[in-house]
Protein backbone atom coordinates (compact mmCIF):
# COMPACT_ATOMS: atom_id res chain seq x y z
CA MET A 1 -0.32 0.18 -0.26
CA LYS A 2 1.21 3.48 -1.09
CA VAL A 3 0.33 7.25 -0.52
CA GLY A 4 -1.80 7.96 -3.50
CA GLU A 5 -3.38 3.84 -4.45
CA GLU A 6 -6.99 3.57 -5.31
CA LEU A 7 -9.08 1.55 -4.00
CA ALA A 8 -11.37 -0.78 -6.52
CA PRO A 9 -14.96 0.92 -6.32
CA LEU A 10 -17.88 -0.33 -5.17
CA GLU A 11 -20.96 -0.88 -6.22
CA ILE A 12 -23.75 -1.41 -3.97
CA ALA A 13 -27.42 -0.99 -5.22
CA VAL A 14 -29.30 1.23 -3.00
CA THR A 15 -32.71 -1.30 -2.19
CA ARG A 16 -35.56 -0.40 -0.63
CA THR A 17 -34.94 -3.00 2.28
CA LEU A 18 -31.59 -1.96 1.79
CA ILE A 19 -32.60 1.40 3.38
CA VAL A 20 -35.28 -0.42 5.83
CA ALA A 21 -33.56 -2.53 7.35
CA GLY A 22 -30.02 -0.50 8.51
CA ALA A 23 -32.51 2.38 9.77
CA LEU A 24 -33.64 -0.52 12.37
CA ALA A 25 -30.32 -2.27 12.55
CA SER A 26 -29.28 1.12 14.00
CA ARG A 27 -32.44 1.84 15.32
CA ASP A 28 -32.98 4.98 13.68
CA TYR A 29 -37.31 5.03 13.45
CA GLN A 30 -37.24 8.56 11.48
CA ASP A 31 -40.90 7.86 9.42
CA VAL A 32 -38.76 9.08 6.21
CA HIS A 33 -36.35 6.04 6.51
CA HIS A 34 -39.27 3.54 6.15
CA ASP A 35 -42.66 5.15 5.68
CA ALA A 36 -42.90 6.62 1.71
CA GLU A 37 -46.08 8.27 1.81
CA LEU A 38 -44.75 9.95 4.59
CA ALA A 39 -41.39 10.38 3.24
CA ARG A 40 -43.27 12.54 0.67
CA GLU A 41 -45.58 14.38 2.94
CA LYS A 42 -41.90 16.16 4.79
CA GLY A 43 -41.42 16.99 0.42
CA SER A 44 -39.17 13.93 -0.27
CA PRO A 45 -40.64 12.20 -3.00
CA ASP A 46 -39.14 8.75 -1.44
CA ILE A 47 -38.10 7.01 1.60
CA PHE A 48 -33.52 7.52 1.43
CA MET A 49 -30.78 6.11 4.06
CA ASN A 50 -29.76 7.08 7.38
CA ILE A 51 -26.17 8.72 7.60
CA LEU A 52 -25.95 4.82 10.36
CA THR A 53 -25.72 2.92 7.24
CA THR A 54 -23.51 4.58 4.92
CA ASN A 55 -21.56 4.99 7.71
CA GLY A 56 -21.65 1.49 7.74
CA LEU A 57 -21.01 1.18 4.41
CA VAL A 58 -17.86 3.38 4.56
CA GLY A 59 -16.10 1.27 7.02
CA ARG A 60 -17.35 -1.95 5.19
CA TYR A 61 -15.79 -1.39 1.93
CA VAL A 62 -12.18 0.09 3.54
CA THR A 63 -12.11 -3.15 6.02
CA ASP A 64 -13.16 -5.22 2.48
CA ARG A 65 -10.44 -4.08 0.10
CA LEU A 66 -6.70 -3.52 2.76
CA GLY A 67 -8.29 -6.86 4.40
CA PRO A 68 -9.04 -8.82 7.68
CA SER A 69 -6.45 -8.04 9.37
CA ALA A 70 -7.36 -3.85 9.36
CA VAL A 71 -9.14 -2.30 11.90
CA LEU A 72 -11.24 1.18 12.20
CA ARG A 73 -10.21 3.39 14.00
CA ARG A 74 -11.88 6.14 13.21
CA VAL A 75 -14.51 7.11 9.37
CA ALA A 76 -15.51 11.02 9.29
CA ILE A 77 -17.86 10.89 6.81
CA ARG A 78 -20.04 14.45 5.43
CA LEU A 79 -23.43 13.10 3.98
CA GLY A 80 -25.00 14.97 0.27
CA ALA A 81 -27.07 13.78 -2.29
CA PRO A 82 -29.66 11.17 -0.57
CA ASN A 83 -29.35 7.46 -2.10
CA TYR A 84 -33.30 6.55 -2.58
CA PRO A 85 -34.57 2.58 -3.42
CA GLY A 86 -33.77 1.84 -7.22
CA ASP A 87 -30.24 3.32 -7.35
CA THR A 88 -26.46 2.14 -6.54
CA MET A 89 -24.28 3.90 -4.66
CA VAL A 90 -20.34 3.53 -5.97
CA LEU A 91 -17.72 3.80 -3.15
CA SER A 92 -14.01 4.44 -3.99
CA GLY A 93 -10.66 5.27 -2.62
CA THR A 94 -7.20 6.92 -2.20
CA VAL A 95 -5.41 5.92 0.25
CA THR A 96 -4.04 9.39 0.99
CA ALA A 97 -1.65 9.36 4.24
CA LEU A 98 0.63 6.62 5.61
CA GLY A 99 1.35 6.59 9.65
CA ASP A 100 4.43 5.09 11.17
CA ASP A 101 2.11 4.03 13.43
CA GLY A 102 0.67 1.79 11.07
CA THR A 103 -2.28 3.51 10.47
CA ALA A 104 -3.35 4.38 6.80
CA GLU A 105 -5.20 7.41 5.60
CA VAL A 106 -8.57 6.49 3.36
CA GLU A 107 -11.08 9.53 1.63
CA VAL A 108 -13.68 7.58 1.02
CA VAL A 109 -16.58 9.10 -1.73
CA GLY A 110 -19.24 8.08 -2.82
CA THR A 111 -21.09 8.62 -5.43
CA ASN A 112 -25.38 7.44 -6.86
CA ALA A 113 -27.60 8.79 -10.01
CA LEU A 114 -27.69 12.90 -8.08
CA GLY A 115 -24.01 13.30 -7.40
CA ARG A 116 -22.26 12.94 -4.49
CA HIS A 117 -23.90 10.40 -1.92
CA VAL A 118 -20.84 11.18 0.86
CA THR A 119 -17.44 12.40 1.81
CA GLY A 120 -15.24 11.03 4.29
CA THR A 121 -12.22 10.29 5.79
CA VAL A 122 -11.10 6.49 7.36
CA THR A 123 -8.28 5.92 9.06
CA VAL A 124 -7.53 2.39 9.39
CA GLY A 125 -4.82 0.08 11.35
CA VAL A 126 -3.54 -1.79 9.26
CA PRO A 127 -0.15 -4.10 10.66
CA ARG A 128 2.86 -3.94 8.54
CA GLY A 129 2.58 -6.98 5.34
CA ALA A 130 -1.03 -7.34 5.94
CA VAL A 131 -2.16 -5.82 2.35
């Protein structure tokens, strides 16, 4: 692994089931994440993914790409365009720093048909020689 290395992208189908299951698993019972009619009443065209689901998918993306010995140390994300059912989110990442302490910093971007859904930085511990 080296600074500037790009991680292979990951395509994630944004299904209604993924959105609802992610909201329930994270105990986010806001109606905009599971009730399309109420989401429309609040001005959204449909239900949309919550930040906790996105955060988990970003963490999964980085650890899947860096291997089973990778350990998340910090995930800092910002949401942009919503993830609606029927879309596809494509996650991509670039290694931006390598620490002497065995950590790597990865800039992550997730896009969908509307634009950037998520941008962020993930710090991960990677034992030497593990990747």
